[in-house]
Amino acid sequence: TRKLRTYLPTGRVGHLQIAGVPDRHEPDT
């Protein structure tokens, strides 16, 4: 979230993706 706060305001992020860490299942895991 610190990186989101750093990078999103720059306008250089064009797309986000998500997955649960570390097994890449649903994001609520």
Full PDB file with SEQRES, HELIX, SHEET, SSBOND, CRYST1, ORIGX, SCALE, CONECT and MASTER records, all heavy atoms in Angstrom:
SEQRES   1 A   29  THR ARG LYS LEU ARG THR TYR LEU PRO THR GLY ARG VAL          
SEQRES   2 A   29  GLY HIS LEU GLN ILE ALA GLY VAL PRO ASP ARG HIS GLU          
SEQRES   3 A   29  PRO ASP THR                                                  
HELIX    1 AA1 ARG A    2  TYR A    7  1                                   6    
HELIX    2 AA2 LEU A    8  THR A   10  5                                   3    
CRYST1    1.000    1.000    1.000  90.00  90.00  90.00 P 1           1          
ORIGX1      1.000000  0.000000  0.000000        0.00000                         
ORIGX2      0.000000  1.000000  0.000000        0.00000                         
ORIGX3      0.000000  0.000000  1.000000        0.00000                         
SCALE1      1.000000  0.000000  0.000000        0.00000                         
SCALE2      0.000000  1.000000  0.000000        0.00000                         
SCALE3      0.000000  0.000000  1.000000        0.00000                         
ATOM      1  N   THR A   1       0.827  -1.212   0.000  1.00  0.00           N  
ATOM      2  CA  THR A   1       0.000   0.000   0.000  1.00  0.00           C  
ATOM      3  C   THR A   1       0.862   1.264   0.000  1.00  0.00           C  
ATOM      4  O   THR A   1       0.447   2.288  -0.551  1.00  0.00           O  
ATOM      5  CB  THR A   1      -0.987   0.022   1.181  1.00  0.00           C  
ATOM      6  OG1 THR A   1      -0.280  -0.104   2.414  1.00  0.00           O  
ATOM      7  CG2 THR A   1      -1.989  -1.112   1.045  1.00  0.00           C  
ATOM      8  N   ARG A   2       2.040   1.208   0.603  1.00  0.00           N  
ATOM      9  CA  ARG A   2       2.931   2.368   0.513  1.00  0.00           C  
ATOM     10  C   ARG A   2       3.350   2.601  -0.943  1.00  0.00           C  
ATOM     11  O   ARG A   2       3.455   3.739  -1.409  1.00  0.00           O  
ATOM     12  CB  ARG A   2       4.159   2.189   1.388  1.00  0.00           C  
ATOM     13  CG  ARG A   2       4.952   3.496   1.588  1.00  0.00           C  
ATOM     14  CD  ARG A   2       6.211   3.248   2.399  1.00  0.00           C  
ATOM     15  NE  ARG A   2       5.939   2.567   3.646  1.00  0.00           N  
ATOM     16  CZ  ARG A   2       5.587   3.179   4.775  1.00  0.00           C  
ATOM     17  NH1 ARG A   2       5.458   4.498   4.786  1.00  0.00           N  
ATOM     18  NH2 ARG A   2       5.377   2.494   5.870  1.00  0.00           N  
ATOM     19  N   LYS A   3       3.567   1.508  -1.662  1.00  0.00           N  
ATOM     20  CA  LYS A   3       3.933   1.645  -3.079  1.00  0.00           C  
ATOM     21  C   LYS A   3       2.760   2.177  -3.899  1.00  0.00           C  
ATOM     22  O   LYS A   3       2.952   2.966  -4.828  1.00  0.00           O  
ATOM     23  CB  LYS A   3       4.451   0.317  -3.619  1.00  0.00           C  
ATOM     24  CG  LYS A   3       5.847  -0.001  -3.081  1.00  0.00           C  
ATOM     25  CD  LYS A   3       6.390  -1.298  -3.607  1.00  0.00           C  
ATOM     26  CE  LYS A   3       7.858  -1.423  -3.174  1.00  0.00           C  
ATOM     27  NZ  LYS A   3       8.041  -1.334  -1.720  1.00  0.00           N  
ATOM     28  N   LEU A   4       1.548   1.762  -3.554  1.00  0.00           N  
ATOM     29  CA  LEU A   4       0.382   2.340  -4.220  1.00  0.00           C  
ATOM     30  C   LEU A   4       0.317   3.842  -3.977  1.00  0.00           C  
ATOM     31  O   LEU A   4       0.059   4.624  -4.902  1.00  0.00           O  
ATOM     32  CB  LEU A   4      -0.898   1.663  -3.744  1.00  0.00           C  
ATOM     33  CG  LEU A   4      -1.141   0.236  -4.217  1.00  0.00           C  
ATOM     34  CD1 LEU A   4      -2.314  -0.383  -3.463  1.00  0.00           C  
ATOM     35  CD2 LEU A   4      -1.385   0.181  -5.716  1.00  0.00           C  
ATOM     36  N   ARG A   5       0.554   4.241  -2.743  1.00  0.00           N  
ATOM     37  CA  ARG A   5       0.503   5.670  -2.420  1.00  0.00           C  
ATOM     38  C   ARG A   5       1.631   6.437  -3.118  1.00  0.00           C  
ATOM     39  O   ARG A   5       1.482   7.623  -3.430  1.00  0.00           O  
ATOM     40  CB  ARG A   5       0.591   5.868  -0.908  1.00  0.00           C  
ATOM     41  CG  ARG A   5      -0.606   5.323  -0.139  1.00  0.00           C  
ATOM     42  CD  ARG A   5      -0.488   5.663   1.342  1.00  0.00           C  
ATOM     43  NE  ARG A   5      -1.481   4.959   2.146  1.00  0.00           N  
ATOM     44  CZ  ARG A   5      -2.740   5.335   2.308  1.00  0.00           C  
ATOM     45  NH1 ARG A   5      -3.177   6.424   1.686  1.00  0.00           N  
ATOM     46  NH2 ARG A   5      -3.568   4.649   3.070  1.00  0.00           N  
ATOM     47  N   THR A   6       2.737   5.755  -3.358  1.00  0.00           N  
ATOM     48  CA  THR A   6       3.869   6.402  -4.034  1.00  0.00           C  
ATOM     49  C   THR A   6       3.639   6.518  -5.528  1.00  0.00           C  
ATOM     50  O   THR A   6       3.854   7.585  -6.123  1.00  0.00           O  
ATOM     51  CB  THR A   6       5.163   5.607  -3.777  1.00  0.00           C  
ATOM     52  OG1 THR A   6       5.459   5.635  -2.377  1.00  0.00           O  
ATOM     53  CG2 THR A   6       6.334   6.195  -4.559  1.00  0.00           C  
ATOM     54  N   TYR A   7       3.183   5.421  -6.139  1.00  0.00           N  
ATOM     55  CA  TYR A   7       3.202   5.347  -7.600  1.00  0.00           C  
ATOM     56  C   TYR A   7       1.905   5.775  -8.281  1.00  0.00           C  
ATOM     57  O   TYR A   7       1.935   6.339  -9.374  1.00  0.00           O  
ATOM     58  CB  TYR A   7       3.565   3.931  -8.042  1.00  0.00           C  
ATOM     59  CG  TYR A   7       4.990   3.549  -7.724  1.00  0.00           C  
ATOM     60  CD1 TYR A   7       5.271   2.431  -6.950  1.00  0.00           C  
ATOM     61  CD2 TYR A   7       6.061   4.300  -8.197  1.00  0.00           C  
ATOM     62  CE1 TYR A   7       6.587   2.063  -6.652  1.00  0.00           C  
ATOM     63  CE2 TYR A   7       7.373   3.945  -7.904  1.00  0.00           C  
ATOM     64  CZ  TYR A   7       7.624   2.831  -7.129  1.00  0.00           C  
ATOM     65  OH  TYR A   7       8.917   2.481  -6.844  1.00  0.00           O  
ATOM     66  N   LEU A   8       0.756   5.517  -7.672  1.00  0.00           N  
ATOM     67  CA  LEU A   8      -0.484   5.878  -8.358  1.00  0.00           C  
ATOM     68  C   LEU A   8      -0.586   7.381  -8.635  1.00  0.00           C  
ATOM     69  O   LEU A   8      -1.014   7.775  -9.729  1.00  0.00           O  
ATOM     70  CB  LEU A   8      -1.704   5.398  -7.569  1.00  0.00           C  
ATOM     71  CG  LEU A   8      -2.003   3.892  -7.602  1.00  0.00           C  
ATOM     72  CD1 LEU A   8      -3.327   3.606  -6.912  1.00  0.00           C  
ATOM     73  CD2 LEU A   8      -2.015   3.344  -9.019  1.00  0.00           C  
ATOM     74  N   PRO A   9      -0.197   8.244  -7.707  1.00  0.00           N  
ATOM     75  CA  PRO A   9      -0.308   9.681  -7.998  1.00  0.00           C  
ATOM     76  C   PRO A   9       0.588  10.162  -9.143  1.00  0.00           C  
ATOM     77  O   PRO A   9       0.369  11.263  -9.668  1.00  0.00           O  
ATOM     78  CB  PRO A   9       0.092  10.342  -6.669  1.00  0.00           C  
ATOM     79  CG  PRO A   9      -0.227   9.325  -5.626  1.00  0.00           C  
ATOM     80  CD  PRO A   9       0.123   8.019  -6.275  1.00  0.00           C  
ATOM     81  N   THR A  10       1.586   9.370  -9.542  1.00  0.00           N  
ATOM     82  CA  THR A  10       2.472   9.795 -10.632  1.00  0.00           C  
ATOM     83  C   THR A  10       1.793   9.751 -11.990  1.00  0.00           C  
ATOM     84  O   THR A  10       2.271  10.362 -12.949  1.00  0.00           O  
ATOM     85  CB  THR A  10       3.723   8.899 -10.706  1.00  0.00           C  
ATOM     86  OG1 THR A  10       3.348   7.578 -11.146  1.00  0.00           O  
ATOM     87  CG2 THR A  10       4.425   8.823  -9.361  1.00  0.00           C  
ATOM     88  N   GLY A  11       0.692   8.982 -12.100  1.00  0.00           N  
ATOM     89  CA  GLY A  11       0.041   8.800 -13.396  1.00  0.00           C  
ATOM     90  C   GLY A  11       0.734   7.799 -14.286  1.00  0.00           C  
ATOM     91  O   GLY A  11       0.323   7.601 -15.429  1.00  0.00           O  
ATOM     92  N   ARG A  12       1.771   7.129 -13.762  1.00  0.00           N  
ATOM     93  CA  ARG A  12       2.518   6.173 -14.588  1.00  0.00           C  
ATOM     94  C   ARG A  12       1.974   4.754 -14.509  1.00  0.00           C  
ATOM     95  O   ARG A  12       2.429   3.880 -15.247  1.00  0.00           O  
ATOM     96  CB  ARG A  12       3.992   6.179 -14.187  1.00  0.00           C  
ATOM     97  CG  ARG A  12       4.705   7.502 -14.452  1.00  0.00           C  
ATOM     98  CD  ARG A  12       6.207   7.363 -14.294  1.00  0.00           C  
ATOM     99  NE  ARG A  12       6.611   6.984 -12.964  1.00  0.00           N  
ATOM    100  CZ  ARG A  12       6.976   7.828 -12.006  1.00  0.00           C  
ATOM    101  NH1 ARG A  12       6.958   9.140 -12.238  1.00  0.00           N  
ATOM    102  NH2 ARG A  12       7.342   7.392 -10.811  1.00  0.00           N  
ATOM    103  N   VAL A  13       1.016   4.494 -13.610  1.00  0.00           N  
ATOM    104  CA  VAL A  13       0.422   3.159 -13.496  1.00  0.00           C  
ATOM    105  C   VAL A  13      -0.823   3.107 -14.374  1.00  0.00           C  
ATOM    106  O   VAL A  13      -1.766   3.876 -14.179  1.00  0.00           O  
ATOM    107  CB  VAL A  13       0.072   2.839 -12.030  1.00  0.00           C  
ATOM    108  CG1 VAL A  13      -0.635   1.481 -11.944  1.00  0.00           C  
ATOM    109  CG2 VAL A  13       1.330   2.837 -11.169  1.00  0.00           C  
ATOM    110  N   GLY A  14      -0.827   2.187 -15.327  1.00  0.00           N  
ATOM    111  CA  GLY A  14      -1.945   2.106 -16.256  1.00  0.00           C  
ATOM    112  C   GLY A  14      -2.914   0.975 -15.995  1.00  0.00           C  
ATOM    113  O   GLY A  14      -4.019   0.965 -16.548  1.00  0.00           O  
ATOM    114  N   HIS A  15      -2.526   0.020 -15.144  1.00  0.00           N  
ATOM    115  CA  HIS A  15      -3.391  -1.148 -14.920  1.00  0.00           C  
ATOM    116  C   HIS A  15      -2.923  -1.830 -13.645  1.00  0.00           C  
ATOM    117  O   HIS A  15      -1.725  -1.866 -13.346  1.00  0.00           O  
ATOM    118  CB  HIS A  15      -3.273  -2.121 -16.105  1.00  0.00           C  
ATOM    119  CG  HIS A  15      -4.268  -3.232 -16.091  1.00  0.00           C  
ATOM    120  ND1 HIS A  15      -5.612  -3.046 -16.328  1.00  0.00           N  
ATOM    121  CD2 HIS A  15      -4.117  -4.570 -15.885  1.00  0.00           C  
ATOM    122  CE1 HIS A  15      -6.245  -4.214 -16.277  1.00  0.00           C  
ATOM    123  NE2 HIS A  15      -5.364  -5.145 -16.001  1.00  0.00           N  
ATOM    124  N   LEU A  16      -3.860  -2.369 -12.875  1.00  0.00           N  
ATOM    125  CA  LEU A  16      -3.553  -3.145 -11.675  1.00  0.00           C  
ATOM    126  C   LEU A  16      -4.021  -4.581 -11.860  1.00  0.00           C  
ATOM    127  O   LEU A  16      -4.968  -4.852 -12.603  1.00  0.00           O  
ATOM    128  CB  LEU A  16      -4.250  -2.567 -10.443  1.00  0.00           C  
ATOM    129  CG  LEU A  16      -3.835  -1.178  -9.948  1.00  0.00           C  
ATOM    130  CD1 LEU A  16      -4.660  -0.816  -8.722  1.00  0.00           C  
ATOM    131  CD2 LEU A  16      -2.357  -1.130  -9.629  1.00  0.00           C  
ATOM    132  N   GLN A  17      -3.355  -5.496 -11.158  1.00  0.00           N  
ATOM    133  CA  GLN A  17      -3.795  -6.890 -11.103  1.00  0.00           C  
ATOM    134  C   GLN A  17      -3.656  -7.397  -9.675  1.00  0.00           C  
ATOM    135  O   GLN A  17      -2.831  -6.902  -8.905  1.00  0.00           O  
ATOM    136  CB  GLN A  17      -2.979  -7.767 -12.059  1.00  0.00           C  
ATOM    137  CG  GLN A  17      -3.277  -7.484 -13.529  1.00  0.00           C  
ATOM    138  CD  GLN A  17      -2.424  -8.311 -14.466  1.00  0.00           C  
ATOM    139  OE1 GLN A  17      -1.233  -8.492 -14.249  1.00  0.00           O  
ATOM    140  NE2 GLN A  17      -3.038  -8.828 -15.531  1.00  0.00           N  
ATOM    141  N   ILE A  18      -4.464  -8.405  -9.341  1.00  0.00           N  
ATOM    142  CA  ILE A  18      -4.474  -8.949  -7.983  1.00  0.00           C  
ATOM    143  C   ILE A  18      -4.547 -10.458  -8.011  1.00  0.00           C  
ATOM    144  O   ILE A  18      -5.015 -11.072  -8.976  1.00  0.00           O  
ATOM    145  CB  ILE A  18      -5.664  -8.404  -7.158  1.00  0.00           C  
ATOM    146  CG1 ILE A  18      -6.991  -8.718  -7.862  1.00  0.00           C  
ATOM    147  CG2 ILE A  18      -5.514  -6.916  -6.894  1.00  0.00           C  
ATOM    148  CD1 ILE A  18      -8.220  -8.419  -7.001  1.00  0.00           C  
ATOM    149  N   ALA A  19      -4.090 -11.061  -6.913  1.00  0.00           N  
ATOM    150  CA  ALA A  19      -4.235 -12.495  -6.638  1.00  0.00           C  
ATOM    151  C   ALA A  19      -3.786 -12.717  -5.208  1.00  0.00           C  
ATOM    152  O   ALA A  19      -3.007 -11.932  -4.648  1.00  0.00           O  
ATOM    153  CB  ALA A  19      -3.388 -13.340  -7.598  1.00  0.00           C  
ATOM    154  N   GLY A  20      -4.270 -13.798  -4.605  1.00  0.00           N  
ATOM    155  CA  GLY A  20      -3.818 -14.147  -3.270  1.00  0.00           C  
ATOM    156  C   GLY A  20      -2.354 -14.547  -3.276  1.00  0.00           C  
ATOM    157  O   GLY A  20      -1.879 -15.220  -4.196  1.00  0.00           O  
ATOM    158  N   VAL A  21      -1.656 -14.141  -2.231  1.00  0.00           N  
ATOM    159  CA  VAL A  21      -0.228 -14.437  -2.094  1.00  0.00           C  
ATOM    160  C   VAL A  21      -0.041 -15.431  -0.939  1.00  0.00           C  
ATOM    161  O   VAL A  21      -0.603 -15.228   0.138  1.00  0.00           O  
ATOM    162  CB  VAL A  21       0.559 -13.137  -1.778  1.00  0.00           C  
ATOM    163  CG1 VAL A  21       2.066 -13.428  -1.690  1.00  0.00           C  
ATOM    164  CG2 VAL A  21       0.277 -12.057  -2.825  1.00  0.00           C  
ATOM    165  N   PRO A  22       0.722 -16.517  -1.123  1.00  0.00           N  
ATOM    166  CA  PRO A  22       1.625 -16.782  -2.240  1.00  0.00           C  
ATOM    167  C   PRO A  22       1.116 -17.768  -3.281  1.00  0.00           C  
ATOM    168  O   PRO A  22       1.823 -18.073  -4.236  1.00  0.00           O  
ATOM    169  CB  PRO A  22       2.830 -17.401  -1.511  1.00  0.00           C  
ATOM    170  CG  PRO A  22       2.193 -18.219  -0.427  1.00  0.00           C  
ATOM    171  CD  PRO A  22       0.993 -17.413   0.032  1.00  0.00           C  
ATOM    172  N   ASP A  23      -0.098 -18.307  -3.118  1.00  0.00           N  
ATOM    173  CA  ASP A  23      -0.526 -19.423  -3.962  1.00  0.00           C  
ATOM    174  C   ASP A  23      -1.276 -19.014  -5.222  1.00  0.00           C  
ATOM    175  O   ASP A  23      -1.669 -19.856  -6.016  1.00  0.00           O  
ATOM    176  CB  ASP A  23      -1.400 -20.381  -3.147  1.00  0.00           C  
ATOM    177  CG  ASP A  23      -0.630 -21.024  -2.009  1.00  0.00           C  
ATOM    178  OD1 ASP A  23       0.557 -21.351  -2.216  1.00  0.00           O  
ATOM    179  OD2 ASP A  23      -1.202 -21.191  -0.910  1.00  0.00           O  
ATOM    180  N   ARG A  24      -1.497 -17.730  -5.400  1.00  0.00           N  
ATOM    181  CA  ARG A  24      -2.169 -17.178  -6.575  1.00  0.00           C  
ATOM    182  C   ARG A  24      -3.595 -17.706  -6.740  1.00  0.00           C  
ATOM    183  O   ARG A  24      -4.078 -17.926  -7.853  1.00  0.00           O  
ATOM    184  CB  ARG A  24      -1.350 -17.406  -7.849  1.00  0.00           C  
ATOM    185  CG  ARG A  24      -1.656 -16.347  -8.908  1.00  0.00           C  
ATOM    186  CD  ARG A  24      -0.631 -16.317 -10.014  1.00  0.00           C  
ATOM    187  NE  ARG A  24      -0.937 -15.222 -10.927  1.00  0.00           N  
ATOM    188  CZ  ARG A  24      -0.153 -14.859 -11.940  1.00  0.00           C  
ATOM    189  NH1 ARG A  24       0.976 -15.488 -12.158  1.00  0.00           N  
ATOM    190  NH2 ARG A  24      -0.503 -13.861 -12.705  1.00  0.00           N  
ATOM    191  N   HIS A  25      -4.262 -17.877  -5.623  1.00  0.00           N  
ATOM    192  CA  HIS A  25      -5.684 -18.194  -5.647  1.00  0.00           C  
ATOM    193  C   HIS A  25      -6.470 -16.897  -5.432  1.00  0.00           C  
ATOM    194  O   HIS A  25      -5.969 -15.806  -5.710  1.00  0.00           O  
ATOM    195  CB  HIS A  25      -6.013 -19.235  -4.577  1.00  0.00           C  
ATOM    196  CG  HIS A  25      -5.367 -20.567  -4.809  1.00  0.00           C  
ATOM    197  ND1 HIS A  25      -5.272 -21.139  -6.055  1.00  0.00           N  
ATOM    198  CD2 HIS A  25      -4.769 -21.445  -3.938  1.00  0.00           C  
ATOM    199  CE1 HIS A  25      -4.664 -22.313  -5.970  1.00  0.00           C  
ATOM    200  NE2 HIS A  25      -4.344 -22.519  -4.704  1.00  0.00           N  
ATOM    201  N   GLU A  26      -7.711 -17.005  -4.959  1.00  0.00           N  
ATOM    202  CA  GLU A  26      -8.565 -15.839  -4.762  1.00  0.00           C  
ATOM    203  C   GLU A  26      -7.882 -14.785  -3.885  1.00  0.00           C  
ATOM    204  O   GLU A  26      -7.115 -15.140  -2.975  1.00  0.00           O  
ATOM    205  CB  GLU A  26      -9.884 -16.270  -4.114  1.00  0.00           C  
ATOM    206  CG  GLU A  26     -10.846 -16.967  -5.054  1.00  0.00           C  
ATOM    207  CD  GLU A  26     -10.536 -18.428  -5.324  1.00  0.00           C  
ATOM    208  OE1 GLU A  26      -9.523 -18.944  -4.792  1.00  0.00           O  
ATOM    209  OE2 GLU A  26     -11.295 -19.072  -6.061  1.00  0.00           O  
ATOM    210  N   PRO A  27      -8.149 -13.521  -4.137  1.00  0.00           N  
ATOM    211  CA  PRO A  27      -7.478 -12.472  -3.367  1.00  0.00           C  
ATOM    212  C   PRO A  27      -7.873 -12.393  -1.903  1.00  0.00           C  
ATOM    213  O   PRO A  27      -7.197 -11.700  -1.137  1.00  0.00           O  
ATOM    214  CB  PRO A  27      -7.865 -11.182  -4.114  1.00  0.00           C  
ATOM    215  CG  PRO A  27      -9.084 -11.531  -4.884  1.00  0.00           C  
ATOM    216  CD  PRO A  27      -8.954 -12.972  -5.238  1.00  0.00           C  
ATOM    217  N   ASP A  28      -8.926 -13.079  -1.486  1.00  0.00           N  
ATOM    218  CA  ASP A  28      -9.262 -13.090  -0.058  1.00  0.00           C  
ATOM    219  C   ASP A  28      -8.570 -14.243   0.668  1.00  0.00           C  
ATOM    220  O   ASP A  28      -8.907 -14.554   1.814  1.00  0.00           O  
ATOM    221  CB  ASP A  28     -10.777 -13.132   0.167  1.00  0.00           C  
ATOM    222  CG  ASP A  28     -11.444 -14.348  -0.467  1.00  0.00           C  
ATOM    223  OD1 ASP A  28     -10.807 -15.016  -1.306  1.00  0.00           O  
ATOM    224  OD2 ASP A  28     -12.612 -14.600  -0.136  1.00  0.00           O  
ATOM    225  N   THR A  29      -7.594 -14.875   0.020  1.00  0.00           N  
ATOM    226  CA  THR A  29      -6.773 -15.899   0.660  1.00  0.00           C  
ATOM    227  C   THR A  29      -5.333 -15.395   0.725  1.00  0.00           C  
ATOM    228  O   THR A  29      -4.918 -14.525  -0.038  1.00  0.00           O  
ATOM    229  CB  THR A  29      -6.807 -17.218  -0.127  1.00  0.00           C  
ATOM    230  OG1 THR A  29      -6.207 -17.021  -1.421  1.00  0.00           O  
ATOM    231  CG2 THR A  29      -8.232 -17.709  -0.317  1.00  0.00           C  
TER     232      THR A  29                                                      
MASTER        0    0    0    2    0    0    0    6  231    1    0    3          
END                                                                             
